[in-house]
């Protein structure tokens, strides 16, 4: 099993300088790099004056983390591709792939907060899911073509490349059949420079939540990132993804292949200490994010939640802990991961522990205990394929 760290940083009340936030993330990355972790994944959120989710640019942060590590893979969970120009994003990821020595995993998402989506790109408004999904698909299609074709062109509902009627007449750039129409002299293809270092491009991971997203990611040959659902509720989701992935690859894909799961993790010497140190932090964060998401994703398979006056009335530590929290002793956490591996054939686990209001010292202590006392339980799978190897067939399909 491969372990990654989900670097979703928070700074409630903006009490720390952002330089301190960056330094804390850098220390986590350097520790993971030196102690057998496989990857680290940064988030993207905007306008967070409240101090939740304070990283607006996971690619730029990834460049810093790549410069301070040697082997750790650098991912985004996720780059919100509907917010950005697809060609510039393709260039940025390709640049990061070179700066990191080919260590990039490209994580993508559609966004969840209207405050972000409307102000970053009005067309990406998450309240109009049909348009948002169409923009997401087209943006990804442009990125793929820009990476894989010597000269790419695109004619979609949102983007057209090259711009129609444009010529480029320069004696040092003689026209070529792939980029210039010989009859009109107008551009008909553009070249992305540089192409990614990884061939044909970095592994692509989509953050998935809804059933349509899960099925679409599988059919598109994309790897999938899950977060909240309890293990039993993940089983049918994994099966839906497996069916689509098998269709994309033309072979029967194993359950769990191409999937990573994010889990909220806090390892301490006793069960009660985990709640004392980090219980309020994870509850504060979930009150923040579940204001839009609600609690339906936390249901066990077939469970009907009690009807309460408030959307989040059920959200207590006692209610949440047995569903999906890996909070407690190393023995407890390892047991729960074994359950996930047995039921899901889980191959990639991303741990998150730097919750709002939890001291950096406590976060580092939890990471160290997880490394020293939990990860050795899964050393039998340490020589499993790397994410790059695992996704090689997929990348051939989607190139």
Protein backbone atom coordinates (compact mmCIF):
# COMPACT_ATOMS: atom_id res chain seq x y z
CA UNK A 1 0.00 0.00 0.00
CA UNK A 2 1.19 3.51 -0.81
CA UNK A 3 0.74 6.40 1.63
CA UNK A 4 0.39 10.04 0.67
CA UNK A 5 -0.19 13.17 2.73
CA UNK A 6 -3.17 15.44 2.01
CA UNK A 7 -1.86 18.94 2.73
CA UNK A 8 -5.13 20.82 3.26
CA UNK A 9 -3.79 23.72 5.31
CA UNK A 10 -5.89 25.94 7.53
CA UNK A 11 -5.23 29.13 9.50
CA UNK A 12 -8.34 30.05 11.53
CA UNK A 13 -8.62 33.78 11.97
CA UNK A 14 -5.48 34.19 9.85
CA UNK A 15 -3.47 34.36 13.08
CA UNK A 16 -0.28 32.98 11.50
CA UNK A 17 1.69 34.65 8.75
CA UNK A 18 1.38 32.87 5.44
CA UNK A 19 5.13 32.33 5.51
CA UNK A 20 4.63 30.27 8.67
CA UNK A 21 1.89 28.25 6.99
CA UNK A 22 4.20 27.52 4.06
CA UNK A 23 7.05 26.57 6.40
CA UNK A 24 4.80 24.10 8.24
CA UNK A 25 3.74 22.46 5.00
CA UNK A 26 7.34 22.30 3.88
CA UNK A 27 8.35 20.56 7.13
CA UNK A 28 5.62 17.95 6.65
CA UNK A 29 6.76 17.35 3.06
CA UNK A 30 10.41 16.99 4.04
CA UNK A 31 9.57 14.54 6.82
CA UNK A 32 7.40 12.44 4.49
CA UNK A 33 10.08 12.54 1.80
CA UNK A 34 12.70 11.18 4.17
CA UNK A 35 10.50 8.55 5.82
CA UNK A 36 8.95 6.36 3.16
CA UNK A 37 5.81 8.27 2.17
CA UNK A 38 4.93 8.21 -1.50
CA UNK A 39 3.28 11.56 -2.23
CA UNK A 40 1.92 14.88 -0.99
CA UNK A 41 -1.20 16.64 -2.31
CA UNK A 42 -2.12 20.33 -1.91
CA UNK A 43 -5.56 21.90 -2.25
CA UNK A 44 -6.91 24.94 -4.10
CA UNK A 45 -9.31 27.40 -2.50
CA UNK A 46 -9.88 31.15 -2.79
CA UNK A 47 -11.17 34.15 -0.80
CA UNK A 48 -10.81 32.33 2.53
CA UNK A 49 -10.67 35.24 4.94
CA UNK A 50 -12.10 32.92 7.63
CA UNK A 51 -8.88 30.90 7.52
CA UNK A 52 -10.18 27.60 6.22
CA UNK A 53 -8.36 26.10 3.21
CA UNK A 54 -5.77 28.81 2.70
CA UNK A 55 -3.84 27.59 -0.36
CA UNK A 56 -4.92 29.39 -3.56
CA UNK A 57 -2.32 27.79 -5.83
CA UNK A 58 -1.34 24.13 -5.31
CA UNK A 59 0.87 24.18 -8.40
CA UNK A 60 3.01 27.04 -7.12
CA UNK A 61 3.15 25.44 -3.67
CA UNK A 62 4.07 22.16 -5.38
CA UNK A 63 7.07 23.84 -7.01
CA UNK A 64 8.33 24.85 -3.57
CA UNK A 65 7.74 21.38 -2.12
CA UNK A 66 9.47 19.79 -5.11
CA UNK A 67 12.51 22.01 -4.52
CA UNK A 68 12.72 20.86 -0.89
CA UNK A 69 12.24 17.12 -1.51
CA UNK A 70 13.94 14.50 -3.66
CA UNK A 71 11.58 11.55 -4.17
CA UNK A 72 8.09 12.53 -2.97
CA UNK A 73 5.49 12.75 -5.74
CA UNK A 74 3.75 16.13 -5.95
CA UNK A 75 -0.01 16.16 -6.48
CA UNK A 76 -2.96 18.50 -6.32
CA UNK A 77 -6.19 17.54 -4.60
CA UNK A 78 -7.23 19.33 -6.53
CA UNK A 79 -6.45 21.92 -9.18
CA UNK A 80 -9.85 23.39 -10.02
CA UNK A 81 -9.45 23.34 -13.75
CA UNK A 82 -12.72 25.16 -14.49
CA UNK A 83 -11.20 28.27 -12.88
CA UNK A 84 -8.20 28.47 -15.20
CA UNK A 85 -7.27 28.93 -18.82
CA UNK A 86 -6.61 25.39 -20.11
CA UNK A 87 -3.47 26.21 -22.09
CA UNK A 88 -1.87 28.11 -19.22
CA UNK A 89 -2.75 25.26 -16.86
CA UNK A 90 -1.24 22.72 -19.26
CA UNK A 91 1.94 24.81 -19.37
CA UNK A 92 2.06 25.17 -15.57
CA UNK A 93 1.73 21.43 -14.93
CA UNK A 94 4.28 20.65 -17.64
CA UNK A 95 6.69 23.14 -16.06
CA UNK A 96 6.14 21.63 -12.62
CA UNK A 97 6.79 18.18 -14.06
CA UNK A 98 10.20 19.36 -15.28
CA UNK A 99 11.00 21.30 -12.10
CA UNK A 100 10.22 18.22 -10.00
CA UNK A 101 12.09 15.76 -12.19
CA UNK A 102 8.92 14.01 -13.36
CA UNK A 103 7.25 13.68 -9.97
CA UNK A 104 3.87 15.28 -10.74
CA UNK A 105 0.44 13.72 -10.27
CA UNK A 106 -2.19 16.00 -11.83
CA UNK A 107 -5.24 16.12 -9.56
CA UNK A 108 -8.31 17.87 -10.96
CA UNK A 109 -11.71 19.00 -9.70
CA UNK A 110 -14.77 21.11 -10.57
CA UNK A 111 -15.05 23.18 -7.37
CA UNK A 112 -17.70 23.18 -4.64
CA UNK A 113 -18.19 26.76 -3.39
CA UNK A 114 -20.22 29.33 -5.39
CA UNK A 115 -18.21 32.18 -3.84
CA UNK A 116 -15.13 30.76 -5.53
CA UNK A 117 -16.50 29.52 -8.83
CA UNK A 118 -18.53 32.59 -9.81
CA UNK A 119 -15.72 35.01 -9.00
CA UNK A 120 -12.91 32.95 -10.52
CA UNK A 121 -14.86 32.20 -13.71
CA UNK A 122 -18.59 33.01 -14.00
CA UNK A 123 -19.05 30.21 -16.53
CA UNK A 124 -17.79 27.73 -13.91
CA UNK A 125 -20.68 28.49 -11.52
CA UNK A 126 -21.16 25.25 -9.56
CA UNK A 127 -24.85 26.07 -9.13
CA UNK A 128 -25.29 25.19 -12.82
CA UNK A 129 -23.90 21.67 -12.73
CA UNK A 130 -24.59 20.91 -16.42
CA UNK A 131 -22.55 23.88 -17.67
CA UNK A 132 -19.88 23.31 -15.04
CA UNK A 133 -19.47 19.64 -16.07
CA UNK A 134 -19.33 20.60 -19.75
CA UNK A 135 -16.67 23.25 -19.05
CA UNK A 136 -14.69 20.73 -16.97
CA UNK A 137 -14.74 18.14 -19.75
CA UNK A 138 -13.73 20.64 -22.41
CA UNK A 139 -10.92 22.12 -20.30
CA UNK A 140 -9.48 18.67 -19.68
CA UNK A 141 -9.77 17.80 -23.36
CA UNK A 142 -7.78 20.90 -24.33
CA UNK A 143 -5.08 20.06 -21.77
CA UNK A 144 -4.76 16.49 -23.04
CA UNK A 145 -4.47 17.61 -26.65
CA UNK A 146 -1.94 20.32 -25.81
CA UNK A 147 0.21 17.73 -24.04
CA UNK A 148 -0.05 14.94 -26.60
CA UNK A 149 -0.09 16.63 -30.02
CA UNK A 150 2.85 18.36 -31.71
CA UNK A 151 0.49 21.11 -32.87
CA UNK A 152 -2.95 21.11 -31.27
CA UNK A 153 -6.20 22.73 -32.28
CA UNK A 154 -9.61 22.81 -30.64
CA UNK A 155 -13.10 23.94 -31.61
CA UNK A 156 -15.46 23.67 -28.66
CA UNK A 157 -18.33 25.48 -27.01
CA UNK A 158 -16.04 27.41 -24.65
CA UNK A 159 -12.61 27.40 -26.30
CA UNK A 160 -11.24 27.69 -29.83
CA UNK A 161 -7.55 27.31 -30.59
CA UNK A 162 -5.97 28.83 -32.60
CA UNK A 163 -8.00 32.01 -32.82
CA UNK A 164 -9.68 32.10 -36.22
CA UNK A 165 -8.22 34.29 -38.95
CA UNK A 166 -4.85 34.76 -37.25
CA UNK A 167 -1.59 34.56 -39.18
CA UNK A 168 1.96 34.45 -37.86
CA UNK A 169 4.41 35.65 -40.49
CA UNK A 170 7.99 35.63 -39.27
CA UNK A 171 11.16 34.72 -41.21
CA UNK A 172 12.51 32.77 -38.25
CA UNK A 173 9.35 30.66 -37.98
CA UNK A 174 8.76 29.05 -41.38
CA UNK A 175 5.26 27.58 -41.75
CA UNK A 176 4.83 23.85 -41.20
CA UNK A 177 1.93 21.66 -42.32
CA UNK A 178 0.84 21.12 -38.71
CA UNK A 179 0.61 24.76 -37.74
CA UNK A 180 -0.17 26.78 -40.87
CA UNK A 181 -2.80 26.45 -43.58
CA UNK A 182 -0.81 26.57 -46.85
CA UNK A 183 -3.73 28.09 -48.76
CA UNK A 184 -4.51 30.98 -46.41
CA UNK A 185 -1.36 31.31 -44.32
CA UNK A 186 -3.50 31.29 -41.19
CA UNK A 187 -2.60 29.37 -38.05
CA UNK A 188 -4.28 26.01 -37.66
CA UNK A 189 -2.25 24.55 -34.81
CA UNK A 190 -0.35 25.65 -31.71
CA UNK A 191 2.60 24.02 -29.95
CA UNK A 192 2.74 23.71 -26.18
CA UNK A 193 6.25 24.30 -24.83
CA UNK A 194 7.33 22.46 -22.82
CA UNK A 195 5.57 19.16 -23.05
CA UNK A 196 5.52 17.28 -19.70
CA UNK A 197 8.61 15.33 -18.73
CA UNK A 198 6.57 12.19 -18.02
CA UNK A 199 5.48 10.34 -21.13
CA UNK A 200 2.92 10.92 -22.46
CA UNK A 201 1.96 13.08 -19.46
CA UNK A 202 1.58 12.94 -15.65
CA UNK A 203 -1.05 10.61 -14.16
CA UNK A 204 -4.42 12.36 -13.96
CA UNK A 205 -6.57 12.01 -10.84
CA UNK A 206 -10.11 13.38 -10.54
CA UNK A 207 -11.67 14.17 -7.18
CA UNK A 208 -15.03 12.38 -7.41
CA UNK A 209 -18.09 12.54 -5.21
CA UNK A 210 -21.35 12.14 -7.13
CA UNK A 211 -22.31 9.00 -9.03
CA UNK A 212 -22.08 10.74 -12.43
CA UNK A 213 -18.53 11.91 -11.63
CA UNK A 214 -17.45 8.46 -10.48
CA UNK A 215 -18.79 6.77 -13.61
CA UNK A 216 -17.42 9.46 -15.95
CA UNK A 217 -13.93 9.30 -14.41
CA UNK A 218 -13.83 5.53 -14.86
CA UNK A 219 -14.97 5.66 -18.48
CA UNK A 220 -12.47 8.43 -19.23
CA UNK A 221 -9.61 6.34 -17.86
CA UNK A 222 -8.89 8.86 -15.10
CA UNK A 223 -7.69 7.83 -11.67
CA UNK A 224 -10.13 8.66 -8.86
CA UNK A 225 -9.77 10.40 -5.49
CA UNK A 226 -12.44 9.76 -2.81
CA UNK A 227 -12.79 11.35 0.61
CA UNK A 228 -15.70 11.04 3.03
CA UNK A 229 -17.85 7.87 2.73
CA UNK A 230 -17.45 5.06 5.28
CA UNK A 231 -15.77 1.92 4.01
CA UNK A 232 -18.99 -0.05 3.44
CA UNK A 233 -20.46 2.83 1.42
CA UNK A 234 -17.30 3.03 -0.67
CA UNK A 235 -17.72 -0.53 -1.95
CA UNK A 236 -20.46 0.23 -4.54
CA UNK A 237 -18.64 3.42 -5.51
CA UNK A 238 -15.46 1.45 -6.13
CA UNK A 239 -17.46 -1.07 -8.15
CA UNK A 240 -19.01 1.68 -10.31
CA UNK A 241 -15.59 3.12 -10.99
CA UNK A 242 -14.18 -0.35 -11.69
CA UNK A 243 -16.86 -0.98 -14.35
CA UNK A 244 -16.06 2.25 -16.16
CA UNK A 245 -12.32 1.75 -15.88
CA UNK A 246 -12.62 -1.78 -17.27
CA UNK A 247 -14.56 -0.38 -20.22
CA UNK A 248 -11.88 2.28 -20.83
CA UNK A 249 -8.99 -0.18 -20.64
CA UNK A 250 -10.68 -3.01 -22.52
CA UNK A 251 -9.70 -5.43 -19.73
CA UNK A 252 -11.16 -6.37 -16.34
CA UNK A 253 -9.63 -3.82 -13.99
CA UNK A 254 -9.10 -5.04 -10.41
CA UNK A 255 -11.25 -3.49 -7.70
CA UNK A 256 -9.34 -0.57 -6.19
CA UNK A 257 -7.08 -0.10 -9.20
CA UNK A 258 -6.56 3.58 -10.00
CA UNK A 259 -8.16 4.82 -6.76
CA UNK A 260 -6.92 6.77 -3.74
CA UNK A 261 -8.92 7.53 -0.59
CA UNK A 262 -8.35 10.52 1.68
CA UNK A 263 -8.89 9.79 5.36
CA UNK A 264 -8.81 12.13 8.35
CA UNK A 265 -6.05 10.69 10.56
CA UNK A 266 -4.75 11.49 14.00
CA UNK A 267 -2.55 8.97 15.80
CA UNK A 268 -1.89 9.31 19.53
CA UNK A 269 -0.90 7.09 22.44
CA UNK A 270 -4.51 6.74 23.63
CA UNK A 271 -7.95 6.93 22.00
CA UNK A 272 -9.04 9.80 24.23
CA UNK A 273 -5.96 11.87 23.43
CA UNK A 274 -6.83 11.91 19.72
CA UNK A 275 -10.25 13.37 20.48
CA UNK A 276 -8.78 15.86 22.94
CA UNK A 277 -6.11 17.16 20.55
CA UNK A 278 -7.89 17.05 17.19
CA UNK A 279 -11.59 16.33 17.72
CA UNK A 280 -12.69 19.96 17.74
CA UNK A 281 -10.48 20.68 14.73
CA UNK A 282 -12.04 18.09 12.45
CA UNK A 283 -15.56 19.01 13.62
CA UNK A 284 -14.92 22.70 12.92
CA UNK A 285 -13.69 21.86 9.45
CA UNK A 286 -16.64 19.61 8.67
CA UNK A 287 -19.08 22.25 9.89
CA UNK A 288 -17.40 24.52 7.37
CA UNK A 289 -17.35 22.21 4.36
CA UNK A 290 -20.59 20.31 5.04
CA UNK A 291 -22.62 23.52 5.10
CA UNK A 292 -22.76 22.90 1.33
CA UNK A 293 -22.20 19.15 1.21
CA UNK A 294 -24.54 18.13 4.01
CA UNK A 295 -24.00 14.82 5.82
CA UNK A 296 -25.38 12.39 3.24
CA UNK A 297 -21.90 11.24 2.19
CA UNK A 298 -21.23 10.12 5.76
CA UNK A 299 -24.01 7.52 5.67
CA UNK A 300 -23.32 3.84 5.98
CA UNK A 301 -24.58 1.75 3.08
CA UNK A 302 -28.39 1.81 3.11
CA UNK A 303 -28.56 4.09 6.15
CA UNK A 304 -31.31 6.70 6.45
CA UNK A 305 -30.23 9.65 8.55
CA UNK A 306 -32.50 10.97 11.28
CA UNK A 307 -34.47 14.05 10.31
CA UNK A 308 -33.27 16.97 12.44
CA UNK A 309 -34.13 20.69 12.51
CA UNK A 310 -30.62 21.67 11.45
CA UNK A 311 -28.61 20.25 8.56
CA UNK A 312 -25.62 19.41 10.76
CA UNK A 313 -27.29 18.54 14.07
CA UNK A 314 -25.99 14.96 13.92
CA UNK A 315 -22.38 16.03 13.55
CA UNK A 316 -20.69 15.07 16.81
CA UNK A 317 -17.42 13.29 17.42
CA UNK A 318 -19.24 10.20 18.70
CA UNK A 319 -21.37 10.06 15.54
CA UNK A 320 -18.48 10.73 13.17
CA UNK A 321 -15.64 8.66 14.63
CA UNK A 322 -16.78 5.12 13.71
CA UNK A 323 -17.76 6.20 10.21
CA UNK A 324 -14.50 7.41 8.71
CA UNK A 325 -12.11 8.89 11.29
CA UNK A 326 -8.76 7.18 11.76
CA UNK A 327 -8.35 8.80 15.16
CA UNK A 328 -6.75 6.93 18.03
CA UNK A 329 -3.95 4.52 18.77
CA UNK A 330 -1.70 3.09 16.10
CA UNK A 331 -3.30 -0.31 16.65
CA UNK A 332 -6.80 1.08 16.06
CA UNK A 333 -5.76 3.03 12.97
CA UNK A 334 -3.92 0.06 11.46
CA UNK A 335 -6.95 -2.16 12.06
CA UNK A 336 -9.23 0.26 10.22
CA UNK A 337 -6.80 0.51 7.29
CA UNK A 338 -6.65 -3.28 7.12
CA UNK A 339 -10.46 -3.27 6.84
CA UNK A 340 -10.26 -0.83 3.93
CA UNK A 341 -7.63 -2.91 2.21
CA UNK A 342 -9.62 -6.13 2.72
CA UNK A 343 -12.98 -4.73 1.57
CA UNK A 344 -11.79 -2.35 -1.15
CA UNK A 345 -8.39 -3.68 -2.24
CA UNK A 346 -7.26 -0.18 -1.34
CA UNK A 347 -3.89 0.65 -2.85
CA UNK A 348 -3.45 4.36 -2.08
CA UNK A 349 -4.32 6.09 1.21
CA UNK A 350 -3.90 9.85 1.63
CA UNK A 351 -3.76 10.93 5.28
CA UNK A 352 -4.86 14.37 6.47
CA UNK A 353 -4.04 15.56 9.97
CA UNK A 354 -3.36 19.32 10.02
CA UNK A 355 -6.89 20.30 11.06
CA UNK A 356 -7.99 23.83 11.99
CA UNK A 357 -6.71 24.93 15.38
CA UNK A 358 -4.47 21.90 15.96
CA UNK A 359 -0.91 22.86 16.83
CA UNK A 360 1.81 22.08 14.33
CA UNK A 361 3.72 20.20 17.03
CA UNK A 362 0.74 17.88 17.60
CA UNK A 363 0.35 17.40 13.85
CA UNK A 364 3.99 16.40 13.47
CA UNK A 365 3.75 14.02 16.43
CA UNK A 366 0.75 12.31 14.82
CA UNK A 367 2.55 12.02 11.48
CA UNK A 368 5.59 10.52 13.19
CA UNK A 369 3.49 7.95 15.08
CA UNK A 370 1.65 7.04 11.86
CA UNK A 371 4.99 6.60 10.08
CA UNK A 372 6.67 4.59 12.82
CA UNK A 373 3.79 2.49 14.14
CA UNK A 374 1.15 2.23 11.40
CA UNK A 375 2.96 2.12 8.08
CA UNK A 376 5.11 -0.92 9.02
CA UNK A 377 1.90 -3.00 9.18
CA UNK A 378 1.66 -2.58 5.40
CA UNK A 379 5.29 -3.09 4.46
CA UNK A 380 4.32 -6.26 2.58
CA UNK A 381 2.98 -4.03 -0.18
CA UNK A 382 5.84 -1.55 -0.13
CA UNK A 383 7.20 -2.86 -3.43
CA UNK A 384 3.86 -2.49 -5.23
CA UNK A 385 3.79 -0.52 -8.45
CA UNK A 386 4.35 3.19 -8.15
CA UNK A 387 1.45 5.49 -9.17
CA UNK A 388 3.29 6.20 -12.42
CA UNK A 389 3.63 2.50 -13.23
CA UNK A 390 0.11 1.76 -12.11
CA UNK A 391 -1.30 4.39 -14.43
CA UNK A 392 0.81 3.60 -17.50
CA UNK A 393 -1.96 1.70 -19.29
CA UNK A 394 -4.46 4.37 -18.36
CA UNK A 395 -2.26 7.13 -19.74
CA UNK A 396 -1.99 5.27 -23.05
CA UNK A 397 -5.79 5.08 -23.21
CA UNK A 398 -6.40 8.77 -22.51
CA UNK A 399 -3.44 10.21 -24.44
